[in-house]
Amino acid sequence: MLRWAFIFLIIALIAGAFGFYDVEAASAGIAQILFTIFLVLFLGALVIGLAIGGRLTS
C-alpha cells in the first residue's frame, strides 16, 4: 500500500510540473489517504506486536 502512495505522489509531482492541476490535486489526495491508511495499519501492527511479544518473552 505504501508503494501505491508513492506512485500517486510521483504522478502528482509530474502532473504539477506540467500544469495539470486537477490531476495533481486528485493524485496528491489519493496519496495522502493511502499513506494515512498505511500509517494507521503500521502503528496498529506495531502495538499488537509489542503486546504479544512482551507476553511471549516474560
N, C-alpha and C. Protein backbone atom coordinates (compact mmCIF):
# COMPACT_ATOMS: atom_id res chain seq x y z
N MET A 1 0.82 -1.19 0.00
CA MET A 1 0.00 0.00 0.00
C MET A 1 0.87 1.26 0.00
N LEU A 2 1.98 1.18 0.69
CA LEU A 2 2.89 2.34 0.69
C LEU A 2 3.44 2.58 -0.72
N ARG A 3 3.63 1.49 -1.48
CA ARG A 3 4.10 1.63 -2.86
C ARG A 3 3.10 2.42 -3.68
N TRP A 4 1.79 2.16 -3.49
CA TRP A 4 0.78 2.90 -4.24
C TRP A 4 0.76 4.38 -3.84
N ALA A 5 0.99 4.66 -2.56
CA ALA A 5 1.04 6.05 -2.12
C ALA A 5 2.18 6.79 -2.81
N PHE A 6 3.33 6.13 -2.92
CA PHE A 6 4.47 6.76 -3.61
C PHE A 6 4.21 6.90 -5.11
N ILE A 7 3.53 5.93 -5.71
CA ILE A 7 3.20 6.04 -7.14
C ILE A 7 2.30 7.25 -7.38
N PHE A 8 1.27 7.42 -6.55
CA PHE A 8 0.38 8.57 -6.72
C PHE A 8 1.10 9.88 -6.41
N LEU A 9 2.06 9.85 -5.49
CA LEU A 9 2.85 11.05 -5.21
C LEU A 9 3.67 11.44 -6.43
N ILE A 10 4.29 10.47 -7.08
CA ILE A 10 5.07 10.73 -8.30
C ILE A 10 4.17 11.27 -9.41
N ILE A 11 2.98 10.68 -9.56
CA ILE A 11 2.03 11.16 -10.56
C ILE A 11 1.66 12.61 -10.27
N ALA A 12 1.43 12.93 -8.99
CA ALA A 12 1.08 14.30 -8.61
C ALA A 12 2.21 15.26 -8.92
N LEU A 13 3.45 14.86 -8.64
CA LEU A 13 4.59 15.74 -8.93
C LEU A 13 4.75 15.98 -10.43
N ILE A 14 4.61 14.92 -11.22
CA ILE A 14 4.74 15.07 -12.69
C ILE A 14 3.60 15.93 -13.23
N ALA A 15 2.38 15.68 -12.76
CA ALA A 15 1.23 16.47 -13.22
C ALA A 15 1.40 17.93 -12.82
N GLY A 16 1.94 18.17 -11.63
CA GLY A 16 2.16 19.55 -11.20
C GLY A 16 3.22 20.25 -12.04
N ALA A 17 4.24 19.50 -12.46
CA ALA A 17 5.30 20.08 -13.29
C ALA A 17 4.76 20.48 -14.66
N PHE A 18 3.80 19.72 -15.17
CA PHE A 18 3.25 20.02 -16.49
C PHE A 18 2.02 20.91 -16.42
N GLY A 19 1.56 21.25 -15.23
CA GLY A 19 0.45 22.18 -15.09
C GLY A 19 -0.92 21.56 -15.11
N PHE A 20 -1.03 20.26 -14.90
CA PHE A 20 -2.34 19.60 -14.85
C PHE A 20 -2.82 19.62 -13.39
N TYR A 21 -3.39 20.74 -12.98
CA TYR A 21 -3.69 20.96 -11.56
C TYR A 21 -4.78 20.03 -11.02
N ASP A 22 -5.76 19.69 -11.86
CA ASP A 22 -6.82 18.79 -11.38
C ASP A 22 -6.27 17.39 -11.13
N VAL A 23 -5.42 16.91 -12.03
CA VAL A 23 -4.81 15.59 -11.86
C VAL A 23 -3.87 15.61 -10.67
N GLU A 24 -3.14 16.70 -10.52
CA GLU A 24 -2.21 16.83 -9.39
C GLU A 24 -2.96 16.78 -8.06
N ALA A 25 -4.06 17.51 -7.96
CA ALA A 25 -4.82 17.54 -6.71
C ALA A 25 -5.43 16.18 -6.39
N ALA A 26 -5.96 15.52 -7.40
CA ALA A 26 -6.56 14.20 -7.18
C ALA A 26 -5.50 13.18 -6.77
N SER A 27 -4.37 13.18 -7.45
CA SER A 27 -3.31 12.22 -7.14
C SER A 27 -2.71 12.49 -5.76
N ALA A 28 -2.53 13.74 -5.42
CA ALA A 28 -1.99 14.08 -4.10
C ALA A 28 -2.98 13.67 -3.01
N GLY A 29 -4.25 13.86 -3.25
CA GLY A 29 -5.27 13.45 -2.28
C GLY A 29 -5.29 11.95 -2.06
N ILE A 30 -5.20 11.19 -3.16
CA ILE A 30 -5.16 9.73 -3.06
C ILE A 30 -3.90 9.29 -2.33
N ALA A 31 -2.77 9.91 -2.62
CA ALA A 31 -1.51 9.57 -1.96
C ALA A 31 -1.60 9.83 -0.46
N GLN A 32 -2.21 10.93 -0.06
CA GLN A 32 -2.36 11.24 1.36
C GLN A 32 -3.26 10.23 2.05
N ILE A 33 -4.34 9.86 1.42
CA ILE A 33 -5.27 8.89 2.01
C ILE A 33 -4.58 7.54 2.18
N LEU A 34 -3.90 7.07 1.13
CA LEU A 34 -3.22 5.77 1.20
C LEU A 34 -2.11 5.79 2.25
N PHE A 35 -1.36 6.88 2.35
CA PHE A 35 -0.30 6.96 3.34
C PHE A 35 -0.87 6.96 4.75
N THR A 36 -1.99 7.65 4.95
CA THR A 36 -2.63 7.66 6.27
C THR A 36 -3.12 6.27 6.65
N ILE A 37 -3.74 5.56 5.72
CA ILE A 37 -4.19 4.19 5.98
C ILE A 37 -2.99 3.30 6.31
N PHE A 38 -1.92 3.42 5.53
CA PHE A 38 -0.72 2.63 5.79
C PHE A 38 -0.16 2.94 7.17
N LEU A 39 -0.11 4.20 7.54
CA LEU A 39 0.45 4.59 8.84
C LEU A 39 -0.38 4.04 9.99
N VAL A 40 -1.71 4.10 9.87
CA VAL A 40 -2.59 3.57 10.92
C VAL A 40 -2.42 2.06 11.04
N LEU A 41 -2.37 1.35 9.92
CA LEU A 41 -2.18 -0.10 9.95
C LEU A 41 -0.81 -0.46 10.54
N PHE A 42 0.22 0.29 10.19
CA PHE A 42 1.56 0.04 10.73
C PHE A 42 1.59 0.22 12.23
N LEU A 43 1.01 1.33 12.72
CA LEU A 43 1.01 1.58 14.15
C LEU A 43 0.19 0.53 14.90
N GLY A 44 -0.92 0.10 14.32
CA GLY A 44 -1.72 -0.96 14.94
C GLY A 44 -0.95 -2.26 15.02
N ALA A 45 -0.26 -2.62 13.94
CA ALA A 45 0.54 -3.85 13.94
C ALA A 45 1.69 -3.74 14.93
N LEU A 46 2.28 -2.56 15.05
CA LEU A 46 3.38 -2.36 15.98
C LEU A 46 2.91 -2.53 17.43
N VAL A 47 1.77 -1.95 17.77
CA VAL A 47 1.24 -2.07 19.12
C VAL A 47 0.88 -3.52 19.43
N ILE A 48 0.22 -4.19 18.51
CA ILE A 48 -0.15 -5.59 18.72
C ILE A 48 1.10 -6.46 18.83
N GLY A 49 2.09 -6.20 17.98
CA GLY A 49 3.33 -6.96 18.03
C GLY A 49 4.07 -6.78 19.34
N LEU A 50 4.09 -5.56 19.85
CA LEU A 50 4.75 -5.31 21.14
C LEU A 50 3.99 -5.96 22.28
N ALA A 51 2.66 -5.95 22.21
CA ALA A 51 1.85 -6.57 23.26
C ALA A 51 2.03 -8.08 23.28
N ILE A 52 2.01 -8.70 22.12
CA ILE A 52 2.17 -10.16 22.03
C ILE A 52 3.62 -10.54 22.32
N GLY A 53 4.56 -9.79 21.78
CA GLY A 53 5.97 -10.08 22.00
C GLY A 53 6.37 -9.95 23.45
N GLY A 54 5.84 -8.97 24.13
CA GLY A 54 6.12 -8.78 25.54
C GLY A 54 5.57 -9.92 26.40
N ARG A 55 4.45 -10.45 25.98
CA ARG A 55 3.83 -11.54 26.71
C ARG A 55 4.57 -12.85 26.49
N LEU A 56 5.11 -13.05 25.29
CA LEU A 56 5.80 -14.31 24.98
C LEU A 56 7.16 -14.40 25.65
N THR A 57 7.85 -13.30 25.83
CA THR A 57 9.21 -13.35 26.37
C THR A 57 9.23 -13.38 27.89
N SER A 58 8.17 -13.00 28.57
CA SER A 58 8.22 -12.97 30.02
C SER A 58 7.61 -14.19 30.68
